Amino acid sequence: MKDPTITTQQHADHTVVTVAGEIDLASCSALEEATLVIPRDGKTLHLEMSGVSFMDSAGLNLLLKLRRRLLAEGSRLLITGLQSQPASVLRLTETDTLLTPDAAQAAQRS
């Protein structure tokens, strides 16, 4: 398995990291390394995942670890563009409300 394709765009109030490929045990270290070098300064890290077709439990663990680290640093993680398989992983583990804005808003309305 090759590493996912990762691109980064810095904006005044947020950073966008776009990921394409698969996020699994063999490849998630590349995504983790990419997020470590991004200056956050309290900015939101927007992880755009519409190009991610598969994510396993290692990918889920990475997202949760990233969220925890950003919160501790006064930043926020926003995940968008999930395809059905990665979205299913989040729903099955009930982490979708922690990681995606649409699910979090729906949970607040319930």
PDB file of N, CA and C in Angstrom:
ATOM      1  N   MET A   1       0.843  -1.184   0.000  1.00  0.00           N
ATOM      2  CA  MET A   1       0.000   0.000   0.000  1.00  0.00           C
ATOM      3  C   MET A   1       0.877   1.232   0.000  1.00  0.00           C
ATOM      4  N   LYS A   2       0.636   2.129  -0.937  1.00  0.00           N
ATOM      5  CA  LYS A   2       1.390   3.376  -0.966  1.00  0.00           C
ATOM      6  C   LYS A   2       0.732   4.407  -0.075  1.00  0.00           C
ATOM      7  N   ASP A   3       1.494   5.420   0.276  1.00  0.00           N
ATOM      8  CA  ASP A   3       0.985   6.479   1.139  1.00  0.00           C
ATOM      9  C   ASP A   3      -0.110   7.264   0.436  1.00  0.00           C
ATOM     10  N   PRO A   4      -1.034   7.824   1.208  1.00  0.00           N
ATOM     11  CA  PRO A   4      -2.072   8.659   0.604  1.00  0.00           C
ATOM     12  C   PRO A   4      -1.459   9.941   0.049  1.00  0.00           C
ATOM     13  N   THR A   5      -2.168  10.569  -0.865  1.00  0.00           N
ATOM     14  CA  THR A   5      -1.757  11.870  -1.387  1.00  0.00           C
ATOM     15  C   THR A   5      -2.291  12.932  -0.432  1.00  0.00           C
ATOM     16  N   ILE A   6      -1.408  13.831  -0.002  1.00  0.00           N
ATOM     17  CA  ILE A   6      -1.782  14.838   0.985  1.00  0.00           C
ATOM     18  C   ILE A   6      -1.338  16.204   0.488  1.00  0.00           C
ATOM     19  N   THR A   7      -2.267  17.145   0.450  1.00  0.00           N
ATOM     20  CA  THR A   7      -1.930  18.526   0.103  1.00  0.00           C
ATOM     21  C   THR A   7      -2.397  19.439   1.230  1.00  0.00           C
ATOM     22  N   THR A   8      -1.673  20.525   1.419  1.00  0.00           N
ATOM     23  CA  THR A   8      -1.971  21.454   2.506  1.00  0.00           C
ATOM     24  C   THR A   8      -2.105  22.870   1.965  1.00  0.00           C
ATOM     25  N   GLN A   9      -3.121  23.571   2.448  1.00  0.00           N
ATOM     26  CA  GLN A   9      -3.329  24.976   2.104  1.00  0.00           C
ATOM     27  C   GLN A   9      -3.505  25.769   3.393  1.00  0.00           C
ATOM     28  N   GLN A  10      -2.692  26.790   3.565  1.00  0.00           N
ATOM     29  CA  GLN A  10      -2.797  27.660   4.733  1.00  0.00           C
ATOM     30  C   GLN A  10      -3.692  28.846   4.401  1.00  0.00           C
ATOM     31  N   HIS A  11      -4.613  29.161   5.300  1.00  0.00           N
ATOM     32  CA  HIS A  11      -5.487  30.330   5.190  1.00  0.00           C
ATOM     33  C   HIS A  11      -5.336  31.136   6.477  1.00  0.00           C
ATOM     34  N   ALA A  12      -5.854  32.335   6.487  1.00  0.00           N
ATOM     35  CA  ALA A  12      -5.705  33.207   7.655  1.00  0.00           C
ATOM     36  C   ALA A  12      -6.281  32.587   8.927  1.00  0.00           C
ATOM     37  N   ASP A  13      -7.453  31.951   8.825  1.00  0.00           N
ATOM     38  CA  ASP A  13      -8.118  31.445  10.020  1.00  0.00           C
ATOM     39  C   ASP A  13      -8.196  29.922  10.105  1.00  0.00           C
ATOM     40  N   HIS A  14      -7.690  29.227   9.098  1.00  0.00           N
ATOM     41  CA  HIS A  14      -7.716  27.766   9.134  1.00  0.00           C
ATOM     42  C   HIS A  14      -6.702  27.188   8.146  1.00  0.00           C
ATOM     43  N   THR A  15      -6.452  25.912   8.316  1.00  0.00           N
ATOM     44  CA  THR A  15      -5.588  25.165   7.406  1.00  0.00           C
ATOM     45  C   THR A  15      -6.411  24.027   6.825  1.00  0.00           C
ATOM     46  N   VAL A  16      -6.291  23.800   5.522  1.00  0.00           N
ATOM     47  CA  VAL A  16      -6.996  22.709   4.872  1.00  0.00           C
ATOM     48  C   VAL A  16      -5.976  21.649   4.464  1.00  0.00           C
ATOM     49  N   VAL A  17      -6.200  20.436   4.924  1.00  0.00           N
ATOM     50  CA  VAL A  17      -5.401  19.291   4.505  1.00  0.00           C
ATOM     51  C   VAL A  17      -6.335  18.390   3.711  1.00  0.00           C
ATOM     52  N   THR A  18      -6.009  18.177   2.447  1.00  0.00           N
ATOM     53  CA  THR A  18      -6.807  17.331   1.575  1.00  0.00           C
ATOM     54  C   THR A  18      -6.099  15.994   1.429  1.00  0.00           C
ATOM     55  N   VAL A  19      -6.844  14.920   1.676  1.00  0.00           N
ATOM     56  CA  VAL A  19      -6.278  13.574   1.661  1.00  0.00           C
ATOM     57  C   VAL A  19      -6.978  12.748   0.593  1.00  0.00           C
ATOM     58  N   ALA A  20      -6.205  11.960  -0.165  1.00  0.00           N
ATOM     59  CA  ALA A  20      -6.764  11.046  -1.154  1.00  0.00           C
ATOM     60  C   ALA A  20      -6.035   9.713  -1.045  1.00  0.00           C
ATOM     61  N   GLY A  21      -6.770   8.637  -1.222  1.00  0.00           N
ATOM     62  CA  GLY A  21      -6.190   7.297  -1.118  1.00  0.00           C
ATOM     63  C   GLY A  21      -6.832   6.531   0.018  1.00  0.00           C
ATOM     64  N   GLU A  22      -6.050   5.681   0.643  1.00  0.00           N
ATOM     65  CA  GLU A  22      -6.526   4.883   1.773  1.00  0.00           C
ATOM     66  C   GLU A  22      -5.759   5.266   3.025  1.00  0.00           C
ATOM     67  N   ILE A  23      -6.473   5.288   4.141  1.00  0.00           N
ATOM     68  CA  ILE A  23      -5.836   5.553   5.429  1.00  0.00           C
ATOM     69  C   ILE A  23      -5.944   4.273   6.244  1.00  0.00           C
ATOM     70  N   ASP A  24      -4.820   3.572   6.328  1.00  0.00           N
ATOM     71  CA  ASP A  24      -4.788   2.314   7.065  1.00  0.00           C
ATOM     72  C   ASP A  24      -3.485   2.228   7.845  1.00  0.00           C
ATOM     73  N   LEU A  25      -3.267   1.107   8.491  1.00  0.00           N
ATOM     74  CA  LEU A  25      -2.087   0.932   9.332  1.00  0.00           C
ATOM     75  C   LEU A  25      -0.799   1.223   8.575  1.00  0.00           C
ATOM     76  N   ALA A  26      -0.733   0.806   7.328  1.00  0.00           N
ATOM     77  CA  ALA A  26       0.486   0.980   6.544  1.00  0.00           C
ATOM     78  C   ALA A  26       0.705   2.404   6.072  1.00  0.00           C
ATOM     79  N   SER A  27      -0.360   3.208   5.998  1.00  0.00           N
ATOM     80  CA  SER A  27      -0.218   4.529   5.387  1.00  0.00           C
ATOM     81  C   SER A  27      -0.512   5.713   6.301  1.00  0.00           C
ATOM     82  N   CYS A  28      -1.073   5.490   7.475  1.00  0.00           N
ATOM     83  CA  CYS A  28      -1.503   6.645   8.267  1.00  0.00           C
ATOM     84  C   CYS A  28      -0.337   7.442   8.844  1.00  0.00           C
ATOM     85  N   SER A  29       0.857   6.898   8.877  1.00  0.00           N
ATOM     86  CA  SER A  29       2.000   7.670   9.385  1.00  0.00           C
ATOM     87  C   SER A  29       2.280   8.884   8.505  1.00  0.00           C
ATOM     88  N   ALA A  30       2.037   8.781   7.203  1.00  0.00           N
ATOM     89  CA  ALA A  30       2.248   9.924   6.307  1.00  0.00           C
ATOM     90  C   ALA A  30       1.296  11.069   6.656  1.00  0.00           C
ATOM     91  N   LEU A  31       0.048  10.753   6.945  1.00  0.00           N
ATOM     92  CA  LEU A  31      -0.915  11.783   7.330  1.00  0.00           C
ATOM     93  C   LEU A  31      -0.546  12.382   8.684  1.00  0.00           C
ATOM     94  N   GLU A  32      -0.144  11.549   9.601  1.00  0.00           N
ATOM     95  CA  GLU A  32       0.250  12.056  10.918  1.00  0.00           C
ATOM     96  C   GLU A  32       1.432  13.009  10.796  1.00  0.00           C
ATOM     97  N   GLU A  33       2.432  12.635  10.014  1.00  0.00           N
ATOM     98  CA  GLU A  33       3.593  13.503   9.824  1.00  0.00           C
ATOM     99  C   GLU A  33       3.190  14.834   9.197  1.00  0.00           C
ATOM    100  N   ALA A  34       2.295  14.801   8.222  1.00  0.00           N
ATOM    101  CA  ALA A  34       1.847  16.035   7.566  1.00  0.00           C
ATOM    102  C   ALA A  34       1.155  16.971   8.547  1.00  0.00           C
ATOM    103  N   THR A  35       0.374  16.429   9.470  1.00  0.00           N
ATOM    104  CA  THR A  35      -0.354  17.286  10.414  1.00  0.00           C
ATOM    105  C   THR A  35       0.550  17.803  11.533  1.00  0.00           C
ATOM    106  N   LEU A  36       1.663  17.146  11.786  1.00  0.00           N
ATOM    107  CA  LEU A  36       2.565  17.608  12.846  1.00  0.00           C
ATOM    108  C   LEU A  36       3.296  18.889  12.484  1.00  0.00           C
ATOM    109  N   VAL A  37       3.540  19.126  11.207  1.00  0.00           N
ATOM    110  CA  VAL A  37       4.325  20.291  10.801  1.00  0.00           C
ATOM    111  C   VAL A  37       3.464  21.527  10.533  1.00  0.00           C
ATOM    112  N   ILE A  38       2.170  21.416  10.637  1.00  0.00           N
ATOM    113  CA  ILE A  38       1.278  22.539  10.354  1.00  0.00           C
ATOM    114  C   ILE A  38       1.180  23.441  11.577  1.00  0.00           C
ATOM    115  N   PRO A  39       1.518  24.726  11.432  1.00  0.00           N
ATOM    116  CA  PRO A  39       1.330  25.638  12.565  1.00  0.00           C
ATOM    117  C   PRO A  39      -0.155  25.864  12.800  1.00  0.00           C
ATOM    118  N   ARG A  40      -0.613  25.662  14.027  1.00  0.00           N
ATOM    119  CA  ARG A  40      -2.032  25.760  14.295  1.00  0.00           C
ATOM    120  C   ARG A  40      -2.423  27.094  14.919  1.00  0.00           C
ATOM    121  N   ASP A  41      -1.708  27.552  15.898  1.00  0.00           N
ATOM    122  CA  ASP A  41      -1.983  28.855  16.502  1.00  0.00           C
ATOM    123  C   ASP A  41      -3.465  29.072  16.795  1.00  0.00           C
ATOM    124  N   GLY A  42      -4.152  28.050  17.282  1.00  0.00           N
ATOM    125  CA  GLY A  42      -5.571  28.166  17.592  1.00  0.00           C
ATOM    126  C   GLY A  42      -6.471  28.077  16.378  1.00  0.00           C
ATOM    127  N   LYS A  43      -5.908  27.811  15.210  1.00  0.00           N
ATOM    128  CA  LYS A  43      -6.696  27.723  13.978  1.00  0.00           C
ATOM    129  C   LYS A  43      -7.356  26.354  13.858  1.00  0.00           C
ATOM    130  N   THR A  44      -8.430  26.312  13.096  1.00  0.00           N
ATOM    131  CA  THR A  44      -9.094  25.052  12.789  1.00  0.00           C
ATOM    132  C   THR A  44      -8.287  24.306  11.738  1.00  0.00           C
ATOM    133  N   LEU A  45      -8.127  23.007  11.940  1.00  0.00           N
ATOM    134  CA  LEU A  45      -7.526  22.135  10.933  1.00  0.00           C
ATOM    135  C   LEU A  45      -8.678  21.435  10.228  1.00  0.00           C
ATOM    136  N   HIS A  46      -8.872  21.773   8.960  1.00  0.00           N
ATOM    137  CA  HIS A  46      -9.949  21.209   8.151  1.00  0.00           C
ATOM    138  C   HIS A  46      -9.361  20.050   7.357  1.00  0.00           C
ATOM    139  N   LEU A  47      -9.809  18.843   7.663  1.00  0.00           N
ATOM    140  CA  LEU A  47      -9.348  17.638   6.979  1.00  0.00           C
ATOM    141  C   LEU A  47     -10.395  17.248   5.944  1.00  0.00           C
ATOM    142  N   GLU A  48     -10.086  17.463   4.666  1.00  0.00           N
ATOM    143  CA  GLU A  48     -11.007  17.196   3.578  1.00  0.00           C
ATOM    144  C   GLU A  48     -10.707  15.793   3.054  1.00  0.00           C
ATOM    145  N   MET A  49     -11.660  14.874   3.226  1.00  0.00           N
ATOM    146  CA  MET A  49     -11.404  13.461   2.959  1.00  0.00           C
ATOM    147  C   MET A  49     -12.251  12.881   1.829  1.00  0.00           C
ATOM    148  N   SER A  50     -12.737  13.712   0.900  1.00  0.00           N
ATOM    149  CA  SER A  50     -13.574  13.176  -0.181  1.00  0.00           C
ATOM    150  C   SER A  50     -12.806  12.222  -1.093  1.00  0.00           C
ATOM    151  N   GLY A  51     -11.491  12.270  -1.076  1.00  0.00           N
ATOM    152  CA  GLY A  51     -10.683  11.361  -1.879  1.00  0.00           C
ATOM    153  C   GLY A  51     -10.256  10.104  -1.154  1.00  0.00           C
ATOM    154  N   VAL A  52     -10.730   9.913   0.076  1.00  0.00           N
ATOM    155  CA  VAL A  52     -10.364   8.722   0.860  1.00  0.00           C
ATOM    156  C   VAL A  52     -11.442   7.662   0.672  1.00  0.00           C
ATOM    157  N   SER A  53     -11.063   6.544   0.052  1.00  0.00           N
ATOM    158  CA  SER A  53     -12.033   5.484  -0.240  1.00  0.00           C
ATOM    159  C   SER A  53     -12.099   4.429   0.852  1.00  0.00           C
ATOM    160  N   PHE A  54     -11.069   4.345   1.706  1.00  0.00           N
ATOM    161  CA  PHE A  54     -11.024   3.307   2.736  1.00  0.00           C
ATOM    162  C   PHE A  54     -10.278   3.834   3.944  1.00  0.00           C
ATOM    163  N   MET A  55     -10.797   3.504   5.134  1.00  0.00           N
ATOM    164  CA  MET A  55     -10.124   3.825   6.386  1.00  0.00           C
ATOM    165  C   MET A  55     -10.364   2.675   7.357  1.00  0.00           C
ATOM    166  N   ASP A  56      -9.301   2.212   8.011  1.00  0.00           N
ATOM    167  CA  ASP A  56      -9.453   1.142   8.995  1.00  0.00           C
ATOM    168  C   ASP A  56      -9.350   1.717  10.410  1.00  0.00           C
ATOM    169  N   SER A  57      -9.238   0.841  11.384  1.00  0.00           N
ATOM    170  CA  SER A  57      -9.206   1.285  12.779  1.00  0.00           C
ATOM    171  C   SER A  57      -7.956   2.105  13.086  1.00  0.00           C
ATOM    172  N   ALA A  58      -6.862   1.865  12.390  1.00  0.00           N
ATOM    173  CA  ALA A  58      -5.655   2.677  12.594  1.00  0.00           C
ATOM    174  C   ALA A  58      -5.920   4.112  12.147  1.00  0.00           C
ATOM    175  N   GLY A  59      -6.645   4.280  11.044  1.00  0.00           N
ATOM    176  CA  GLY A  59      -7.017   5.612  10.586  1.00  0.00           C
ATOM    177  C   GLY A  59      -7.935   6.304  11.573  1.00  0.00           C
ATOM    178  N   LEU A  60      -8.900   5.566  12.099  1.00  0.00           N
ATOM    179  CA  LEU A  60      -9.806   6.122  13.110  1.00  0.00           C
ATOM    180  C   LEU A  60      -9.017   6.555  14.340  1.00  0.00           C
ATOM    181  N   ASN A  61      -8.109   5.714  14.789  1.00  0.00           N
ATOM    182  CA  ASN A  61      -7.278   6.043  15.944  1.00  0.00           C
ATOM    183  C   ASN A  61      -6.472   7.312  15.692  1.00  0.00           C
ATOM    184  N   LEU A  62      -5.932   7.445  14.492  1.00  0.00           N
ATOM    185  CA  LEU A  62      -5.173   8.639  14.137  1.00  0.00           C
ATOM    186  C   LEU A  62      -6.053   9.884  14.203  1.00  0.00           C
ATOM    187  N   LEU A  63      -7.273   9.817  13.677  1.00  0.00           N
ATOM    188  CA  LEU A  63      -8.176  10.967  13.713  1.00  0.00           C
ATOM    189  C   LEU A  63      -8.513  11.369  15.146  1.00  0.00           C
ATOM    190  N   LEU A  64      -8.771  10.381  15.992  1.00  0.00           N
ATOM    191  CA  LEU A  64      -9.092  10.673  17.391  1.00  0.00           C
ATOM    192  C   LEU A  64      -7.889  11.261  18.131  1.00  0.00           C
ATOM    193  N   LYS A  65      -6.711  10.733  17.855  1.00  0.00           N
ATOM    194  CA  LYS A  65      -5.478  11.246  18.465  1.00  0.00           C
ATOM    195  C   LYS A  65      -5.226  12.686  17.994  1.00  0.00           C
ATOM    196  N   LEU A  66      -5.439  12.935  16.707  1.00  0.00           N
ATOM    197  CA  LEU A  66      -5.260  14.272  16.156  1.00  0.00           C
ATOM    198  C   LEU A  66      -6.257  15.246  16.796  1.00  0.00           C
ATOM    199  N   ARG A  67      -7.498  14.835  16.924  1.00  0.00           N
ATOM    200  CA  ARG A  67      -8.511  15.685  17.561  1.00  0.00           C
ATOM    201  C   ARG A  67      -8.122  16.028  18.995  1.00  0.00           C
ATOM    202  N   ARG A  68      -7.692  15.024  19.740  1.00  0.00           N
ATOM    203  CA  ARG A  68      -7.293  15.234  21.141  1.00  0.00           C
ATOM    204  C   ARG A  68      -6.117  16.211  21.233  1.00  0.00           C
ATOM    205  N   ARG A  69      -5.123  16.053  20.361  1.00  0.00           N
ATOM    206  CA  ARG A  69      -3.958  16.941  20.370  1.00  0.00           C
ATOM    207  C   ARG A  69      -4.351  18.374  20.016  1.00  0.00           C
ATOM    208  N   LEU A  70      -5.191  18.533  19.011  1.00  0.00           N
ATOM    209  CA  LEU A  70      -5.611  19.878  18.607  1.00  0.00           C
ATOM    210  C   LEU A  70      -6.407  20.567  19.712  1.00  0.00           C
ATOM    211  N   LEU A  71      -7.304  19.836  20.354  1.00  0.00           N
ATOM    212  CA  LEU A  71      -8.075  20.424  21.451  1.00  0.00           C
ATOM    213  C   LEU A  71      -7.160  20.880  22.579  1.00  0.00           C
ATOM    214  N   ALA A  72      -6.156  20.078  22.893  1.00  0.00           N
ATOM    215  CA  ALA A  72      -5.212  20.435  23.954  1.00  0.00           C
ATOM    216  C   ALA A  72      -4.409  21.686  23.594  1.00  0.00           C
ATOM    217  N   GLU A  73      -4.231  21.925  22.292  1.00  0.00           N
ATOM    218  CA  GLU A  73      -3.483  23.091  21.824  1.00  0.00           C
ATOM    219  C   GLU A  73      -4.388  24.296  21.554  1.00  0.00           C
ATOM    220  N   GLY A  74      -5.676  24.168  21.844  1.00  0.00           N
ATOM    221  CA  GLY A  74      -6.601  25.262  21.607  1.00  0.00           C
ATOM    222  C   GLY A  74      -7.075  25.375  20.171  1.00  0.00           C
ATOM    223  N   SER A  75      -6.893  24.316  19.407  1.00  0.00           N
ATOM    224  CA  SER A  75      -7.334  24.289  18.011  1.00  0.00           C
ATOM    225  C   SER A  75      -8.519  23.341  17.880  1.00  0.00           C
ATOM    226  N   ARG A  76      -8.982  23.181  16.651  1.00  0.00           N
ATOM    227  CA  ARG A  76     -10.150  22.344  16.409  1.00  0.00           C
ATOM    228  C   ARG A  76      -9.943  21.543  15.140  1.00  0.00           C
ATOM    229  N   LEU A  77     -10.487  20.327  15.095  1.00  0.00           N
ATOM    230  CA  LEU A  77     -10.429  19.471  13.921  1.00  0.00           C
ATOM    231  C   LEU A  77     -11.815  19.414  13.284  1.00  0.00           C
ATOM    232  N   LEU A  78     -11.865  19.630  11.980  1.00  0.00           N
ATOM    233  CA  LEU A  78     -13.104  19.568  11.219  1.00  0.00           C
ATOM    234  C   LEU A  78     -12.883  18.609  10.059  1.00  0.00           C
ATOM    235  N   ILE A  79     -13.667  17.538  10.000  1.00  0.00           N
ATOM    236  CA  ILE A  79     -13.533  16.538   8.939  1.00  0.00           C
ATOM    237  C   ILE A  79     -14.747  16.624   8.032  1.00  0.00           C
ATOM    238  N   THR A  80     -14.498  16.725   6.724  1.00  0.00           N
ATOM    239  CA  THR A  80     -15.595  16.811   5.757  1.00  0.00           C
ATOM    240  C   THR A  80     -15.318  15.909   4.565  1.00  0.00           C
ATOM    241  N   GLY A  81     -16.361  15.692   3.772  1.00  0.00           N
ATOM    242  CA  GLY A  81     -16.231  14.982   2.512  1.00  0.00           C
ATOM    243  C   GLY A  81     -16.081  13.482   2.624  1.00  0.00           C
ATOM    244  N   LEU A  82     -16.564  12.893   3.686  1.00  0.00           N
ATOM    245  CA  LEU A  82     -16.378  11.450   3.882  1.00  0.00           C
ATOM    246  C   LEU A  82     -17.162  10.620   2.864  1.00  0.00           C
ATOM    247  N   GLN A  83     -16.477   9.682   2.239  1.00  0.00           N
ATOM    248  CA  GLN A  83     -17.144   8.685   1.400  1.00  0.00           C
ATOM    249  C   GLN A  83     -17.832   7.681   2.321  1.00  0.00           C
ATOM    250  N   SER A  84     -18.601   6.762   1.748  1.00  0.00           N
ATOM    251  CA  SER A  84     -19.443   5.879   2.561  1.00  0.00           C
ATOM    252  C   SER A  84     -18.657   4.958   3.500  1.00  0.00           C
ATOM    253  N   GLN A  85     -17.557   4.371   3.065  1.00  0.00           N
ATOM    254  CA  GLN A  85     -16.839   3.439   3.939  1.00  0.00           C
ATOM    255  C   GLN A  85     -16.231   4.148   5.148  1.00  0.00           C
ATOM    256  N   PRO A  86     -15.457   5.237   4.964  1.00  0.00           N
ATOM    257  CA  PRO A  86     -14.943   5.932   6.155  1.00  0.00           C
ATOM    258  C   PRO A  86     -16.068   6.490   7.042  1.00  0.00           C
ATOM    259  N   ALA A  87     -17.150   6.971   6.436  1.00  0.00           N
ATOM    260  CA  ALA A  87     -18.283   7.476   7.221  1.00  0.00           C
ATOM    261  C   ALA A  87     -18.904   6.353   8.038  1.00  0.00           C
ATOM    262  N   SER A  88     -18.973   5.150   7.469  1.00  0.00           N
ATOM    263  CA  SER A  88     -19.515   4.000   8.194  1.00  0.00           C
ATOM    264  C   SER A  88     -18.666   3.647   9.405  1.00  0.00           C
ATOM    265  N   VAL A  89     -17.353   3.743   9.258  1.00  0.00           N
ATOM    266  CA  VAL A  89     -16.455   3.476  10.388  1.00  0.00           C
ATOM    267  C   VAL A  89     -16.771   4.438  11.533  1.00  0.00           C
ATOM    268  N   LEU A  90     -16.958   5.699  11.210  1.00  0.00           N
ATOM    269  CA  LEU A  90     -17.266   6.686  12.252  1.00  0.00           C
ATOM    270  C   LEU A  90     -18.635   6.436  12.876  1.00  0.00           C
ATOM    271  N   ARG A  91     -19.629   6.123  12.046  1.00  0.00           N
ATOM    272  CA  ARG A  91     -20.971   5.848  12.584  1.00  0.00           C
ATOM    273  C   ARG A  91     -20.969   4.607  13.475  1.00  0.00           C
ATOM    274  N   LEU A  92     -20.330   3.523  13.011  1.00  0.00           N
ATOM    275  CA  LEU A  92     -20.315   2.270  13.781  1.00  0.00           C
ATOM    276  C   LEU A  92     -19.635   2.427  15.130  1.00  0.00           C
ATOM    277  N   THR A  93     -18.639   3.281  15.188  1.00  0.00           N
ATOM    278  CA  THR A  93     -17.916   3.488  16.447  1.00  0.00           C
ATOM    279  C   THR A  93     -18.460   4.674  17.239  1.00  0.00           C
ATOM    280  N   GLU A  94     -19.531   5.293  16.707  1.00  0.00           N
ATOM    281  CA  GLU A  94     -20.180   6.441  17.334  1.00  0.00           C
ATOM    282  C   GLU A  94     -19.217   7.602  17.588  1.00  0.00           C
ATOM    283  N   THR A  95     -18.254   7.761  16.677  1.00  0.00           N
ATOM    284  CA  THR A  95     -17.328   8.888  16.762  1.00  0.00           C
ATOM    285  C   THR A  95     -17.678   9.963  15.747  1.00  0.00           C
ATOM    286  N   ASP A  96     -18.708   9.733  14.949  1.00  0.00           N
ATOM    287  CA  ASP A  96     -19.093  10.710  13.932  1.00  0.00           C
ATOM    288  C   ASP A  96     -19.462  12.060  14.543  1.00  0.00           C
ATOM    289  N   THR A  97     -20.106  12.065  15.709  1.00  0.00           N
ATOM    290  CA  THR A  97     -20.497  13.337  16.323  1.00  0.00           C
ATOM    291  C   THR A  97     -19.291  14.105  16.863  1.00  0.00           C
ATOM    292  N   LEU A  98     -18.189  13.413  17.112  1.00  0.00           N
ATOM    293  CA  LEU A  98     -16.967  14.082  17.555  1.00  0.00           C
ATOM    294  C   LEU A  98     -16.203  14.695  16.389  1.00  0.00           C
ATOM    295  N   LEU A  99     -16.323  14.084  15.223  1.00  0.00           N
ATOM    296  CA  LEU A  99     -15.417  14.414  14.134  1.00  0.00           C
ATOM    297  C   LEU A  99     -16.036  15.104  12.928  1.00  0.00           C
ATOM    298  N   THR A 100     -17.350  15.043  12.769  1.00  0.00           N
ATOM    299  CA  THR A 100     -17.955  15.649  11.581  1.00  0.00           C
ATOM    300  C   THR A 100     -19.014  16.673  11.988  1.00  0.00           C
ATOM    301  N   PRO A 101     -19.036  17.821  11.316  1.00  0.00           N
ATOM    302  CA  PRO A 101     -19.971  18.880  11.720  1.00  0.00           C
ATOM    303  C   PRO A 101     -21.428  18.519  11.497  1.00  0.00           C
ATOM    304  N   ASP A 102     -21.766  17.844  10.411  1.00  0.00           N
ATOM    305  CA  ASP A 102     -23.157  17.498  10.128  1.00  0.00           C
ATOM    306  C   ASP A 102     -23.723  16.559  11.188  1.00  0.00           C
ATOM    307  N   ALA A 103     -22.954  15.551  11.563  1.00  0.00           N
ATOM    308  CA  ALA A 103     -23.420  14.595  12.574  1.00  0.00           C
ATOM    309  C   ALA A 103     -23.535  15.274  13.938  1.00  0.00           C
ATOM    310  N   ALA A 104     -22.616  16.151  14.250  1.00  0.00           N
ATOM    311  CA  ALA A 104     -22.667  16.848  15.539  1.00  0.00           C
ATOM    312  C   ALA A 104     -23.894  17.755  15.617  1.00  0.00           C
ATOM    313  N   GLN A 105     -24.203  18.442  14.532  1.00  0.00           N
ATOM    314  CA  GLN A 105     -25.387  19.304  14.517  1.00  0.00           C
ATOM    315  C   GLN A 105     -26.661  18.497  14.615  1.00  0.00           C
ATOM    316  N   ALA A 106     -26.712  17.342  13.942  1.00  0.00           N
ATOM    317  CA  ALA A 106     -27.889  16.493  14.017  1.00  0.00           C
ATOM    318  C   ALA A 106     -28.093  15.960  15.432  1.00  0.00           C
ATOM    319  N   ALA A 107     -26.997  15.600  16.114  1.00  0.00           N
ATOM    320  CA  ALA A 107     -27.086  15.080  17.477  1.00  0.00           C
ATOM    321  C   ALA A 107     -27.598  16.155  18.430  1.00  0.00           C
ATOM    322  N   GLN A 108     -27.216  17.407  18.200  1.00  0.00           N
ATOM    323  CA  GLN A 108     -27.671  18.491  19.057  1.00  0.00           C
ATOM    324  C   GLN A 108     -29.156  18.763  18.879  1.00  0.00           C
ATOM    325  N   ARG A 109     -29.670  18.550  17.657  1.00  0.00           N
ATOM    326  CA  ARG A 109     -31.100  18.767  17.389  1.00  0.00           C
ATOM    327  C   ARG A 109     -31.961  17.649  17.975  1.00  0.00           C
ATOM    328  N   SER A 110     -31.398  16.480  18.191  1.00  0.00           N
ATOM    329  CA  SER A 110     -32.187  15.318  18.676  1.00  0.00           C
ATOM    330  C   SER A 110     -32.554  15.458  20.124  1.00  0.00           C
TER     331      SER A 110
END
